[in-house]
């Protein structure tokens, strides 16, 4: 029997999906993106890889029609995770199209903040994240 309890990324509104960020093993959902946007991103990732739908389907050991449904934006969480791994991108890049900067591309202050975060306890990491989000929110409203 197939696993029928797989969670879908799709909420009640059919044209939107959740935008996920992975932080410390948790997912934060800051806003929504459209199903069409996600479909376009999946197709773009395949084209950037230089692969056909059939090649990706073969690599994932699924049918071409199943993969084509992914490019139509019909994804479950399990499928999204599998595609993230297959295309070698982050969840943020997969869902938003934004590539994360490498440590060489960020400022010294950003590197210090990243190092402090990585060296902190989970509670310290949470506090650092909260402080950064609070400062961002204050900057937006000033």
C-alpha atoms as a PDB file:
ATOM      1  CA  UNK A   1       0.000   0.000   0.000  1.00  0.00           C
ATOM      2  CA  UNK A   2       1.310   3.447  -0.879  1.00  0.00           C
ATOM      3  CA  UNK A   3       2.143   5.940   1.824  1.00  0.00           C
ATOM      4  CA  UNK A   4      -1.081   7.940   1.825  1.00  0.00           C
ATOM      5  CA  UNK A   5      -0.206  10.243   4.711  1.00  0.00           C
ATOM      6  CA  UNK A   6       2.498  12.245   2.940  1.00  0.00           C
ATOM      7  CA  UNK A   7       2.114  15.927   3.710  1.00  0.00           C
ATOM      8  CA  UNK A   8       1.448  18.206   0.782  1.00  0.00           C
ATOM      9  CA  UNK A   9       3.169  21.537   0.413  1.00  0.00           C
ATOM     10  CA  UNK A  10      -0.066  22.921  -0.937  1.00  0.00           C
ATOM     11  CA  UNK A  11      -2.377  24.692   1.504  1.00  0.00           C
ATOM     12  CA  UNK A  12      -6.105  25.095   0.996  1.00  0.00           C
ATOM     13  CA  UNK A  13      -5.697  27.782  -1.677  1.00  0.00           C
ATOM     14  CA  UNK A  14      -4.734  25.858  -4.837  1.00  0.00           C
ATOM     15  CA  UNK A  15      -2.423  28.468  -6.390  1.00  0.00           C
ATOM     16  CA  UNK A  16      -0.117  28.967  -3.421  1.00  0.00           C
ATOM     17  CA  UNK A  17       2.509  26.908  -1.654  1.00  0.00           C
ATOM     18  CA  UNK A  18       4.456  27.459   1.513  1.00  0.00           C
ATOM     19  CA  UNK A  19       7.823  29.207   1.403  1.00  0.00           C
ATOM     20  CA  UNK A  20      10.163  27.342   3.736  1.00  0.00           C
ATOM     21  CA  UNK A  21      13.465  28.266   5.349  1.00  0.00           C
ATOM     22  CA  UNK A  22      15.501  25.679   7.172  1.00  0.00           C
ATOM     23  CA  UNK A  23      17.082  27.034  10.342  1.00  0.00           C
ATOM     24  CA  UNK A  24      18.642  24.667  12.824  1.00  0.00           C
ATOM     25  CA  UNK A  25      16.551  21.706  11.712  1.00  0.00           C
ATOM     26  CA  UNK A  26      13.289  23.675  11.916  1.00  0.00           C
ATOM     27  CA  UNK A  27      11.241  25.147   9.124  1.00  0.00           C
ATOM     28  CA  UNK A  28      10.041  28.739   9.313  1.00  0.00           C
ATOM     29  CA  UNK A  29       7.266  29.832   6.960  1.00  0.00           C
ATOM     30  CA  UNK A  30       7.610  33.585   6.308  1.00  0.00           C
ATOM     31  CA  UNK A  31       5.338  34.036   3.281  1.00  0.00           C
ATOM     32  CA  UNK A  32       3.697  32.365   0.322  1.00  0.00           C
ATOM     33  CA  UNK A  33       4.866  31.795  -3.255  1.00  0.00           C
ATOM     34  CA  UNK A  34       2.706  30.744  -6.150  1.00  0.00           C
ATOM     35  CA  UNK A  35       2.491  27.254  -7.550  1.00  0.00           C
ATOM     36  CA  UNK A  36       3.434  28.687 -10.966  1.00  0.00           C
ATOM     37  CA  UNK A  37       6.600  30.235  -9.484  1.00  0.00           C
ATOM     38  CA  UNK A  38       7.642  26.908  -8.000  1.00  0.00           C
ATOM     39  CA  UNK A  39       6.892  25.090 -11.257  1.00  0.00           C
ATOM     40  CA  UNK A  40       9.094  27.575 -13.134  1.00  0.00           C
ATOM     41  CA  UNK A  41      11.913  27.107 -10.603  1.00  0.00           C
ATOM     42  CA  UNK A  42      11.843  23.308 -10.909  1.00  0.00           C
ATOM     43  CA  UNK A  43      12.023  23.623 -14.692  1.00  0.00           C
ATOM     44  CA  UNK A  44      14.832  26.201 -14.473  1.00  0.00           C
ATOM     45  CA  UNK A  45      16.884  23.976 -12.139  1.00  0.00           C
ATOM     46  CA  UNK A  46      16.535  21.102 -14.601  1.00  0.00           C
ATOM     47  CA  UNK A  47      17.595  23.297 -17.521  1.00  0.00           C
ATOM     48  CA  UNK A  48      20.554  24.683 -15.531  1.00  0.00           C
ATOM     49  CA  UNK A  49      21.605  21.069 -14.978  1.00  0.00           C
ATOM     50  CA  UNK A  50      21.378  20.543 -18.745  1.00  0.00           C
ATOM     51  CA  UNK A  51      19.031  17.593 -18.376  1.00  0.00           C
ATOM     52  CA  UNK A  52      15.830  16.577 -20.100  1.00  0.00           C
ATOM     53  CA  UNK A  53      12.692  15.648 -18.193  1.00  0.00           C
ATOM     54  CA  UNK A  54      13.365  12.020 -19.130  1.00  0.00           C
ATOM     55  CA  UNK A  55      16.940  12.171 -17.781  1.00  0.00           C
ATOM     56  CA  UNK A  56      15.800  13.586 -14.438  1.00  0.00           C
ATOM     57  CA  UNK A  57      12.964  11.061 -14.251  1.00  0.00           C
ATOM     58  CA  UNK A  58      15.427   8.233 -14.928  1.00  0.00           C
ATOM     59  CA  UNK A  59      17.845   9.546 -12.291  1.00  0.00           C
ATOM     60  CA  UNK A  60      15.023   9.761  -9.740  1.00  0.00           C
ATOM     61  CA  UNK A  61      13.647   6.373 -10.843  1.00  0.00           C
ATOM     62  CA  UNK A  62      10.200   7.747 -11.610  1.00  0.00           C
ATOM     63  CA  UNK A  63       8.156   8.086 -14.783  1.00  0.00           C
ATOM     64  CA  UNK A  64       8.522  11.079 -17.058  1.00  0.00           C
ATOM     65  CA  UNK A  65       4.871  11.981 -16.463  1.00  0.00           C
ATOM     66  CA  UNK A  66       5.431  11.997 -12.691  1.00  0.00           C
ATOM     67  CA  UNK A  67       8.406  14.319 -13.099  1.00  0.00           C
ATOM     68  CA  UNK A  68       6.396  16.517 -15.502  1.00  0.00           C
ATOM     69  CA  UNK A  69       3.781  16.895 -12.749  1.00  0.00           C
ATOM     70  CA  UNK A  70       6.565  18.268 -10.494  1.00  0.00           C
ATOM     71  CA  UNK A  71       7.356  20.874 -13.147  1.00  0.00           C
ATOM     72  CA  UNK A  72       3.661  21.749 -13.050  1.00  0.00           C
ATOM     73  CA  UNK A  73       4.108  22.556  -9.355  1.00  0.00           C
ATOM     74  CA  UNK A  74       2.466  19.419  -7.964  1.00  0.00           C
ATOM     75  CA  UNK A  75       4.827  18.612  -5.099  1.00  0.00           C
ATOM     76  CA  UNK A  76       4.693  17.039  -1.677  1.00  0.00           C
ATOM     77  CA  UNK A  77       7.207  17.896   1.027  1.00  0.00           C
ATOM     78  CA  UNK A  78       8.957  14.564   0.385  1.00  0.00           C
ATOM     79  CA  UNK A  79       9.283  15.365  -3.318  1.00  0.00           C
ATOM     80  CA  UNK A  80      10.602  18.875  -2.593  1.00  0.00           C
ATOM     81  CA  UNK A  81      13.278  17.429  -0.293  1.00  0.00           C
ATOM     82  CA  UNK A  82      14.245  14.895  -2.944  1.00  0.00           C
ATOM     83  CA  UNK A  83      14.496  17.578  -5.646  1.00  0.00           C
ATOM     84  CA  UNK A  84      16.553  19.850  -3.378  1.00  0.00           C
ATOM     85  CA  UNK A  85      19.000  16.984  -2.890  1.00  0.00           C
ATOM     86  CA  UNK A  86      18.987  16.032  -6.573  1.00  0.00           C
ATOM     87  CA  UNK A  87      19.639  19.556  -7.846  1.00  0.00           C
ATOM     88  CA  UNK A  88      22.146  20.288  -5.065  1.00  0.00           C
ATOM     89  CA  UNK A  89      20.528  23.523  -3.913  1.00  0.00           C
ATOM     90  CA  UNK A  90      19.379  24.900  -0.572  1.00  0.00           C
ATOM     91  CA  UNK A  91      15.717  25.003   0.396  1.00  0.00           C
ATOM     92  CA  UNK A  92      15.841  28.782   0.094  1.00  0.00           C
ATOM     93  CA  UNK A  93      17.196  28.610  -3.449  1.00  0.00           C
ATOM     94  CA  UNK A  94      14.673  25.924  -4.374  1.00  0.00           C
ATOM     95  CA  UNK A  95      11.676  27.903  -3.103  1.00  0.00           C
ATOM     96  CA  UNK A  96      12.794  31.471  -3.885  1.00  0.00           C
ATOM     97  CA  UNK A  97      15.419  31.219  -6.593  1.00  0.00           C
ATOM     98  CA  UNK A  98      17.857  33.236  -4.445  1.00  0.00           C
ATOM     99  CA  UNK A  99      21.348  31.806  -4.230  1.00  0.00           C
ATOM    100  CA  UNK A 100      22.990  32.138  -0.852  1.00  0.00           C
ATOM    101  CA  UNK A 101      26.219  34.078  -0.685  1.00  0.00           C
ATOM    102  CA  UNK A 102      29.413  32.234   0.109  1.00  0.00           C
ATOM    103  CA  UNK A 103      31.440  33.311   3.116  1.00  0.00           C
ATOM    104  CA  UNK A 104      33.888  35.050   0.764  1.00  0.00           C
ATOM    105  CA  UNK A 105      31.065  37.272  -0.526  1.00  0.00           C
ATOM    106  CA  UNK A 106      29.867  38.513   2.869  1.00  0.00           C
ATOM    107  CA  UNK A 107      31.313  41.310   4.979  1.00  0.00           C
ATOM    108  CA  UNK A 108      33.596  40.799   7.969  1.00  0.00           C
ATOM    109  CA  UNK A 109      30.730  41.725  10.332  1.00  0.00           C
ATOM    110  CA  UNK A 110      28.493  39.122   8.695  1.00  0.00           C
ATOM    111  CA  UNK A 111      31.262  36.535   9.001  1.00  0.00           C
ATOM    112  CA  UNK A 112      31.679  37.381  12.713  1.00  0.00           C
ATOM    113  CA  UNK A 113      27.939  37.017  13.242  1.00  0.00           C
ATOM    114  CA  UNK A 114      27.902  33.697  11.408  1.00  0.00           C
ATOM    115  CA  UNK A 115      30.847  32.419  13.445  1.00  0.00           C
ATOM    116  CA  UNK A 116      29.196  33.508  16.712  1.00  0.00           C
ATOM    117  CA  UNK A 117      25.984  31.758  15.664  1.00  0.00           C
ATOM    118  CA  UNK A 118      27.793  28.526  14.749  1.00  0.00           C
ATOM    119  CA  UNK A 119      29.744  28.489  18.023  1.00  0.00           C
ATOM    120  CA  UNK A 120      26.696  29.170  20.209  1.00  0.00           C
ATOM    121  CA  UNK A 121      24.460  26.743  22.014  1.00  0.00           C
ATOM    122  CA  UNK A 122      20.989  26.170  20.555  1.00  0.00           C
ATOM    123  CA  UNK A 123      19.583  28.711  23.024  1.00  0.00           C
ATOM    124  CA  UNK A 124      22.299  31.204  22.053  1.00  0.00           C
ATOM    125  CA  UNK A 125      21.540  30.625  18.371  1.00  0.00           C
ATOM    126  CA  UNK A 126      17.862  31.305  19.018  1.00  0.00           C
ATOM    127  CA  UNK A 127      18.740  34.531  20.863  1.00  0.00           C
ATOM    128  CA  UNK A 128      21.042  35.668  18.029  1.00  0.00           C
ATOM    129  CA  UNK A 129      18.322  34.973  15.466  1.00  0.00           C
ATOM    130  CA  UNK A 130      15.685  36.794  17.515  1.00  0.00           C
ATOM    131  CA  UNK A 131      17.963  39.831  17.947  1.00  0.00           C
ATOM    132  CA  UNK A 132      18.695  39.928  14.217  1.00  0.00           C
ATOM    133  CA  UNK A 133      15.002  39.658  13.306  1.00  0.00           C
ATOM    134  CA  UNK A 134      14.103  42.337  15.874  1.00  0.00           C
ATOM    135  CA  UNK A 135      16.755  44.694  14.423  1.00  0.00           C
ATOM    136  CA  UNK A 136      15.507  43.976  10.894  1.00  0.00           C
ATOM    137  CA  UNK A 137      11.934  44.737  11.933  1.00  0.00           C
ATOM    138  CA  UNK A 138      12.989  47.995  13.634  1.00  0.00           C
ATOM    139  CA  UNK A 139      14.919  49.038  10.512  1.00  0.00           C
ATOM    140  CA  UNK A 140      11.850  48.447   8.339  1.00  0.00           C
ATOM    141  CA  UNK A 141       9.662  50.615  10.577  1.00  0.00           C
ATOM    142  CA  UNK A 142      12.068  53.519  11.028  1.00  0.00           C
END
